């Protein structure tokens, strides 16, 4: 990204504003992309067989099973 410089080697205020805004948008976009990538990786891990979701469901299933067995005795 380059500033447009006039023939008299002056950069106009509007040109500086344009470039700064574009840089800010680009930086925010990169931050958002990074966050989304981290969330995607975390969700893939959570849903894998070694992740927290299957472990939590197995724990709940075991609790329910043991509760049902206790009630039926």
PDB file of N, CA and C in Angstrom:
ATOM      1  N   UNK A   1       0.853  -1.154   0.000  1.00  0.00           N
ATOM      2  CA  UNK A   1       0.000   0.000   0.000  1.00  0.00           C
ATOM      3  C   UNK A   1       0.907   1.228   0.000  1.00  0.00           C
ATOM      4  N   UNK A   2       0.617   2.128  -0.891  1.00  0.00           N
ATOM      5  CA  UNK A   2       1.434   3.335  -1.010  1.00  0.00           C
ATOM      6  C   UNK A   2       0.563   4.572  -0.980  1.00  0.00           C
ATOM      7  N   UNK A   3       1.146   5.623  -0.459  1.00  0.00           N
ATOM      8  CA  UNK A   3       0.482   6.923  -0.489  1.00  0.00           C
ATOM      9  C   UNK A   3       0.610   7.514  -1.886  1.00  0.00           C
ATOM     10  N   UNK A   4      -0.432   8.185  -2.313  1.00  0.00           N
ATOM     11  CA  UNK A   4      -0.359   8.908  -3.584  1.00  0.00           C
ATOM     12  C   UNK A   4       0.247  10.282  -3.297  1.00  0.00           C
ATOM     13  N   UNK A   5       1.378  10.525  -3.904  1.00  0.00           N
ATOM     14  CA  UNK A   5       2.099  11.778  -3.677  1.00  0.00           C
ATOM     15  C   UNK A   5       1.900  12.684  -4.890  1.00  0.00           C
ATOM     16  N   UNK A   6       1.569  13.930  -4.608  1.00  0.00           N
ATOM     17  CA  UNK A   6       1.392  14.894  -5.698  1.00  0.00           C
ATOM     18  C   UNK A   6       2.746  15.209  -6.338  1.00  0.00           C
ATOM     19  N   UNK A   7       2.695  15.890  -7.481  1.00  0.00           N
ATOM     20  CA  UNK A   7       3.929  16.261  -8.182  1.00  0.00           C
ATOM     21  C   UNK A   7       4.827  17.141  -7.324  1.00  0.00           C
ATOM     22  N   UNK A   8       4.232  17.954  -6.460  1.00  0.00           N
ATOM     23  CA  UNK A   8       5.039  18.827  -5.599  1.00  0.00           C
ATOM     24  C   UNK A   8       5.498  18.106  -4.325  1.00  0.00           C
ATOM     25  N   UNK A   9       5.377  16.775  -4.322  1.00  0.00           N
ATOM     26  CA  UNK A   9       5.833  15.886  -3.249  1.00  0.00           C
ATOM     27  C   UNK A   9       5.068  16.074  -1.943  1.00  0.00           C
ATOM     28  N   UNK A  10       3.816  16.471  -2.052  1.00  0.00           N
ATOM     29  CA  UNK A  10       2.955  16.659  -0.892  1.00  0.00           C
ATOM     30  C   UNK A  10       1.924  15.536  -0.880  1.00  0.00           C
ATOM     31  N   UNK A  11       1.666  15.007   0.300  1.00  0.00           N
ATOM     32  CA  UNK A  11       0.620  14.001   0.471  1.00  0.00           C
ATOM     33  C   UNK A  11      -0.563  14.701   1.117  1.00  0.00           C
ATOM     34  N   UNK A  12      -1.704  14.590   0.479  1.00  0.00           N
ATOM     35  CA  UNK A  12      -2.899  15.272   0.983  1.00  0.00           C
ATOM     36  C   UNK A  12      -3.462  14.559   2.206  1.00  0.00           C
ATOM     37  N   UNK A  13      -4.147  15.336   3.027  1.00  0.00           N
ATOM     38  CA  UNK A  13      -4.733  14.825   4.266  1.00  0.00           C
ATOM     39  C   UNK A  13      -5.675  13.653   3.997  1.00  0.00           C
ATOM     40  N   UNK A  14      -6.512  13.781   2.986  1.00  0.00           N
ATOM     41  CA  UNK A  14      -7.453  12.711   2.656  1.00  0.00           C
ATOM     42  C   UNK A  14      -6.758  11.414   2.291  1.00  0.00           C
ATOM     43  N   UNK A  15      -5.610  11.520   1.646  1.00  0.00           N
ATOM     44  CA  UNK A  15      -4.839  10.330   1.282  1.00  0.00           C
ATOM     45  C   UNK A  15      -4.284   9.644   2.528  1.00  0.00           C
ATOM     46  N   UNK A  16      -3.817  10.427   3.473  1.00  0.00           N
ATOM     47  CA  UNK A  16      -3.315   9.856   4.731  1.00  0.00           C
ATOM     48  C   UNK A  16      -4.452   9.176   5.486  1.00  0.00           C
ATOM     49  N   UNK A  17      -5.603   9.823   5.526  1.00  0.00           N
ATOM     50  CA  UNK A  17      -6.774   9.238   6.193  1.00  0.00           C
ATOM     51  C   UNK A  17      -7.153   7.918   5.538  1.00  0.00           C
ATOM     52  N   UNK A  18      -7.163   7.887   4.212  1.00  0.00           N
ATOM     53  CA  UNK A  18      -7.521   6.669   3.477  1.00  0.00           C
ATOM     54  C   UNK A  18      -6.581   5.517   3.831  1.00  0.00           C
ATOM     55  N   UNK A  19      -5.288   5.790   3.830  1.00  0.00           N
ATOM     56  CA  UNK A  19      -4.311   4.734   4.094  1.00  0.00           C
ATOM     57  C   UNK A  19      -4.391   4.256   5.550  1.00  0.00           C
ATOM     58  N   UNK A  20      -4.551   5.179   6.480  1.00  0.00           N
ATOM     59  CA  UNK A  20      -4.656   4.793   7.894  1.00  0.00           C
ATOM     60  C   UNK A  20      -5.900   3.943   8.116  1.00  0.00           C
ATOM     61  N   UNK A  21      -7.014   4.339   7.528  1.00  0.00           N
ATOM     62  CA  UNK A  21      -8.249   3.545   7.676  1.00  0.00           C
ATOM     63  C   UNK A  21      -8.080   2.155   7.091  1.00  0.00           C
ATOM     64  N   UNK A  22      -7.460   2.084   5.927  1.00  0.00           N
ATOM     65  CA  UNK A  22      -7.251   0.780   5.295  1.00  0.00           C
ATOM     66  C   UNK A  22      -6.363  -0.106   6.170  1.00  0.00           C
ATOM     67  N   UNK A  23      -5.324   0.473   6.750  1.00  0.00           N
ATOM     68  CA  UNK A  23      -4.458  -0.297   7.647  1.00  0.00           C
ATOM     69  C   UNK A  23      -5.212  -0.776   8.877  1.00  0.00           C
ATOM     70  N   UNK A  24      -6.055   0.080   9.434  1.00  0.00           N
ATOM     71  CA  UNK A  24      -6.829  -0.300  10.622  1.00  0.00           C
ATOM     72  C   UNK A  24      -7.775  -1.439  10.303  1.00  0.00           C
ATOM     73  N   UNK A  25      -8.445  -1.360   9.178  1.00  0.00           N
ATOM     74  CA  UNK A  25      -9.374  -2.424   8.784  1.00  0.00           C
ATOM     75  C   UNK A  25      -8.606  -3.719   8.569  1.00  0.00           C
ATOM     76  N   UNK A  26      -7.477  -3.630   7.924  1.00  0.00           N
ATOM     77  CA  UNK A  26      -6.668  -4.820   7.659  1.00  0.00           C
ATOM     78  C   UNK A  26      -6.209  -5.447   8.972  1.00  0.00           C
ATOM     79  N   UNK A  27      -5.739  -4.638   9.917  1.00  0.00           N
ATOM     80  CA  UNK A  27      -5.291  -5.153  11.209  1.00  0.00           C
ATOM     81  C   UNK A  27      -6.438  -5.814  11.963  1.00  0.00           C
ATOM     82  N   UNK A  28      -7.610  -5.166  11.982  1.00  0.00           N
ATOM     83  CA  UNK A  28      -8.768  -5.759  12.654  1.00  0.00           C
ATOM     84  C   UNK A  28      -9.146  -7.068  11.983  1.00  0.00           C
ATOM     85  N   UNK A  29      -9.088  -7.094  10.662  1.00  0.00           N
ATOM     86  CA  UNK A  29      -9.404  -8.319   9.934  1.00  0.00           C
ATOM     87  C   UNK A  29      -8.461  -9.444  10.299  1.00  0.00           C
ATOM     88  N   UNK A  30      -7.177  -9.126  10.419  1.00  0.00           N
ATOM     89  CA  UNK A  30      -6.195 -10.151  10.790  1.00  0.00           C
ATOM     90  C   UNK A  30      -6.422 -10.650  12.210  1.00  0.00           C
ATOM     91  N   UNK A  31      -6.773  -9.755  13.113  1.00  0.00           N
ATOM     92  CA  UNK A  31      -7.050 -10.154  14.498  1.00  0.00           C
ATOM     93  C   UNK A  31      -8.269 -11.068  14.537  1.00  0.00           C
ATOM     94  N   UNK A  32      -9.318 -10.687  13.821  1.00  0.00           N
ATOM     95  CA  UNK A  32     -10.540 -11.497  13.794  1.00  0.00           C
ATOM     96  C   UNK A  32     -10.254 -12.863  13.183  1.00  0.00           C
ATOM     97  N   UNK A  33      -9.493 -12.906  12.091  1.00  0.00           N
ATOM     98  CA  UNK A  33      -9.147 -14.187  11.467  1.00  0.00           C
ATOM     99  C   UNK A  33      -8.384 -15.075  12.445  1.00  0.00           C
ATOM    100  N   UNK A  34      -7.483 -14.481  13.200  1.00  0.00           N
ATOM    101  CA  UNK A  34      -6.699 -15.241  14.173  1.00  0.00           C
ATOM    102  C   UNK A  34      -7.590 -15.817  15.271  1.00  0.00           C
ATOM    103  N   UNK A  35      -8.516 -15.009  15.767  1.00  0.00           N
ATOM    104  CA  UNK A  35      -9.433 -15.466  16.816  1.00  0.00           C
ATOM    105  C   UNK A  35     -10.317 -16.595  16.301  1.00  0.00           C
ATOM    106  N   UNK A  36     -10.839 -16.441  15.091  1.00  0.00           N
ATOM    107  CA  UNK A  36     -11.702 -17.476  14.506  1.00  0.00           C
ATOM    108  C   UNK A  36     -10.917 -18.771  14.327  1.00  0.00           C
ATOM    109  N   UNK A  37      -9.666 -18.663  13.905  1.00  0.00           N
ATOM    110  CA  UNK A  37      -8.839 -19.861  13.733  1.00  0.00           C
ATOM    111  C   UNK A  37      -8.643 -20.574  15.071  1.00  0.00           C
ATOM    112  N   UNK A  38      -8.365 -19.808  16.133  1.00  0.00           N
ATOM    113  CA  UNK A  38      -8.195 -20.406  17.458  1.00  0.00           C
ATOM    114  C   UNK A  38      -9.481 -21.075  17.936  1.00  0.00           C
ATOM    115  N   UNK A  39     -10.629 -20.428  17.705  1.00  0.00           N
ATOM    116  CA  UNK A  39     -11.910 -21.016  18.107  1.00  0.00           C
ATOM    117  C   UNK A  39     -12.196 -22.294  17.330  1.00  0.00           C
ATOM    118  N   UNK A  40     -11.862 -22.297  16.049  1.00  0.00           N
ATOM    119  CA  UNK A  40     -12.071 -23.490  15.229  1.00  0.00           C
ATOM    120  C   UNK A  40     -11.239 -24.652  15.769  1.00  0.00           C
ATOM    121  N   UNK A  41      -9.969 -24.379  16.061  1.00  0.00           N
ATOM    122  CA  UNK A  41      -9.098 -25.428  16.587  1.00  0.00           C
ATOM    123  C   UNK A  41      -9.597 -25.943  17.935  1.00  0.00           C
ATOM    124  N   UNK A  42     -10.073 -25.038  18.782  1.00  0.00           N
ATOM    125  CA  UNK A  42     -10.591 -25.442  20.092  1.00  0.00           C
ATOM    126  C   UNK A  42     -11.849 -26.285  19.946  1.00  0.00           C
ATOM    127  N   UNK A  43     -12.717 -25.920  19.005  1.00  0.00           N
ATOM    128  CA  UNK A  43     -13.952 -26.691  18.825  1.00  0.00           C
ATOM    129  C   UNK A  43     -13.661 -28.068  18.245  1.00  0.00           C
ATOM    130  N   UNK A  44     -12.699 -28.154  17.340  1.00  0.00           N
ATOM    131  CA  UNK A  44     -12.320 -29.458  16.788  1.00  0.00           C
ATOM    132  C   UNK A  44     -11.792 -30.354  17.906  1.00  0.00           C
ATOM    133  N   UNK A  45     -10.973 -29.801  18.776  1.00  0.00           N
ATOM    134  CA  UNK A  45     -10.433 -30.576  19.897  1.00  0.00           C
ATOM    135  C   UNK A  45     -11.537 -30.986  20.867  1.00  0.00           C
ATOM    136  N   UNK A  46     -12.442 -30.070  21.159  1.00  0.00           N
ATOM    137  CA  UNK A  46     -13.522 -30.376  22.109  1.00  0.00           C
ATOM    138  C   UNK A  46     -14.411 -31.490  21.592  1.00  0.00           C
ATOM    139  N   UNK A  47     -14.610 -31.548  20.284  1.00  0.00           N
ATOM    140  CA  UNK A  47     -15.496 -32.554  19.710  1.00  0.00           C
ATOM    141  C   UNK A  47     -14.783 -33.853  19.355  1.00  0.00           C
ATOM    142  N   UNK A  48     -13.456 -33.885  19.437  1.00  0.00           N
ATOM    143  CA  UNK A  48     -12.731 -35.116  19.137  1.00  0.00           C
ATOM    144  C   UNK A  48     -12.952 -36.120  20.272  1.00  0.00           C
ATOM    145  N   UNK A  49     -12.568 -37.352  20.051  1.00  0.00           N
ATOM    146  CA  UNK A  49     -12.778 -38.394  21.063  1.00  0.00           C
ATOM    147  C   UNK A  49     -12.010 -38.104  22.345  1.00  0.00           C
ATOM    148  N   UNK A  50     -10.912 -37.391  22.254  1.00  0.00           N
ATOM    149  CA  UNK A  50     -10.122 -37.039  23.436  1.00  0.00           C
ATOM    150  C   UNK A  50     -10.510 -35.670  23.986  1.00  0.00           C
ATOM    151  N   UNK A  51     -11.486 -35.033  23.372  1.00  0.00           N
ATOM    152  CA  UNK A  51     -11.872 -33.688  23.782  1.00  0.00           C
ATOM    153  C   UNK A  51     -12.810 -33.670  24.971  1.00  0.00           C
ATOM    154  N   UNK A  52     -13.172 -32.466  25.378  1.00  0.00           N
ATOM    155  CA  UNK A  52     -13.986 -32.293  26.584  1.00  0.00           C
ATOM    156  C   UNK A  52     -15.443 -32.701  26.383  1.00  0.00           C
ATOM    157  N   UNK A  53     -15.985 -32.543  25.180  1.00  0.00           N
ATOM    158  CA  UNK A  53     -17.406 -32.865  24.970  1.00  0.00           C
ATOM    159  C   UNK A  53     -17.704 -34.351  25.153  1.00  0.00           C
ATOM    160  N   UNK A  54     -16.979 -35.259  24.483  1.00  0.00           N
ATOM    161  CA  UNK A  54     -17.245 -36.685  24.711  1.00  0.00           C
ATOM    162  C   UNK A  54     -16.986 -37.115  26.152  1.00  0.00           C
ATOM    163  N   UNK A  55     -15.959 -36.548  26.767  1.00  0.00           N
ATOM    164  CA  UNK A  55     -15.665 -36.900  28.164  1.00  0.00           C
ATOM    165  C   UNK A  55     -16.792 -36.442  29.081  1.00  0.00           C
ATOM    166  N   UNK A  56     -17.309 -35.241  28.844  1.00  0.00           N
ATOM    167  CA  UNK A  56     -18.403 -34.724  29.669  1.00  0.00           C
ATOM    168  C   UNK A  56     -19.660 -35.561  29.481  1.00  0.00           C
ATOM    169  N   UNK A  57     -19.958 -35.940  28.249  1.00  0.00           N
ATOM    170  CA  UNK A  57     -21.145 -36.773  27.994  1.00  0.00           C
ATOM    171  C   UNK A  57     -20.995 -38.148  28.642  1.00  0.00           C
ATOM    172  N   UNK A  58     -19.800 -38.722  28.569  1.00  0.00           N
ATOM    173  CA  UNK A  58     -19.565 -40.024  29.200  1.00  0.00           C
ATOM    174  C   UNK A  58     -19.726 -39.920  30.714  1.00  0.00           C
ATOM    175  N   UNK A  59     -19.244 -38.845  31.294  1.00  0.00           N
ATOM    176  CA  UNK A  59     -19.377 -38.627  32.736  1.00  0.00           C
ATOM    177  C   UNK A  59     -20.847 -38.542  33.132  1.00  0.00           C
ATOM    178  N   UNK A  60     -21.623 -37.762  32.378  1.00  0.00           N
ATOM    179  CA  UNK A  60     -23.058 -37.618  32.670  1.00  0.00           C
ATOM    180  C   UNK A  60     -23.776 -38.956  32.503  1.00  0.00           C
ATOM    181  N   UNK A  61     -23.440 -39.680  31.440  1.00  0.00           N
ATOM    182  CA  UNK A  61     -24.077 -40.981  31.212  1.00  0.00           C
ATOM    183  C   UNK A  61     -23.780 -41.934  32.369  1.00  0.00           C
ATOM    184  N   UNK A  62     -22.559 -41.932  32.844  1.00  0.00           N
ATOM    185  CA  UNK A  62     -22.200 -42.791  33.982  1.00  0.00           C
ATOM    186  C   UNK A  62     -22.950 -42.382  35.241  1.00  0.00           C
ATOM    187  N   UNK A  63     -23.084 -41.087  35.477  1.00  0.00           N
ATOM    188  CA  UNK A  63     -23.832 -40.596  36.640  1.00  0.00           C
ATOM    189  C   UNK A  63     -25.288 -41.043  36.565  1.00  0.00           C
ATOM    190  N   UNK A  64     -25.901 -40.869  35.375  1.00  0.00           N
ATOM    191  CA  UNK A  64     -27.300 -41.262  35.208  1.00  0.00           C
ATOM    192  C   UNK A  64     -27.463 -42.764  35.413  1.00  0.00           C
ATOM    193  N   UNK A  65     -26.538 -43.522  34.830  1.00  0.00           N
ATOM    194  CA  UNK A  65     -26.614 -44.974  34.956  1.00  0.00           C
ATOM    195  C   UNK A  65     -26.506 -45.391  36.419  1.00  0.00           C
ATOM    196  N   UNK A  66     -25.563 -44.808  37.133  1.00  0.00           N
ATOM    197  CA  UNK A  66     -25.411 -45.174  38.544  1.00  0.00           C
ATOM    198  C   UNK A  66     -26.604 -44.695  39.367  1.00  0.00           C
ATOM    199  N   UNK A  67     -27.204 -43.566  39.004  1.00  0.00           N
ATOM    200  CA  UNK A  67     -28.397 -43.076  39.712  1.00  0.00           C
ATOM    201  C   UNK A  67     -29.575 -43.999  39.482  1.00  0.00           C
ATOM    202  N   UNK A  68     -29.738 -44.460  38.261  1.00  0.00           N
ATOM    203  CA  UNK A  68     -30.846 -45.365  37.938  1.00  0.00           C
ATOM    204  C   UNK A  68     -30.663 -46.678  38.680  1.00  0.00           C
ATOM    205  N   UNK A  69     -29.438 -47.189  38.733  1.00  0.00           N
ATOM    206  CA  UNK A  69     -29.174 -48.444  39.439  1.00  0.00           C
ATOM    207  C   UNK A  69     -29.441 -48.280  40.930  1.00  0.00           C
ATOM    208  N   UNK A  70     -29.095 -47.139  41.496  1.00  0.00           N
ATOM    209  CA  UNK A  70     -29.330 -46.885  42.917  1.00  0.00           C
ATOM    210  C   UNK A  70     -30.824 -46.826  43.201  1.00  0.00           C
ATOM    211  N   UNK A  71     -31.578 -46.196  42.324  1.00  0.00           N
ATOM    212  CA  UNK A  71     -33.026 -46.080  42.512  1.00  0.00           C
ATOM    213  C   UNK A  71     -33.733 -47.424  42.374  1.00  0.00           C
ATOM    214  N   UNK A  72     -33.211 -48.296  41.521  1.00  0.00           N
ATOM    215  CA  UNK A  72     -33.891 -49.570  41.287  1.00  0.00           C
ATOM    216  C   UNK A  72     -33.561 -50.610  42.355  1.00  0.00           C
ATOM    217  N   UNK A  73     -32.609 -50.329  43.201  1.00  0.00           N
ATOM    218  CA  UNK A  73     -32.252 -51.311  44.247  1.00  0.00           C
ATOM    219  C   UNK A  73     -33.158 -51.252  45.427  1.00  0.00           C
TER     220      UNK A  73
END
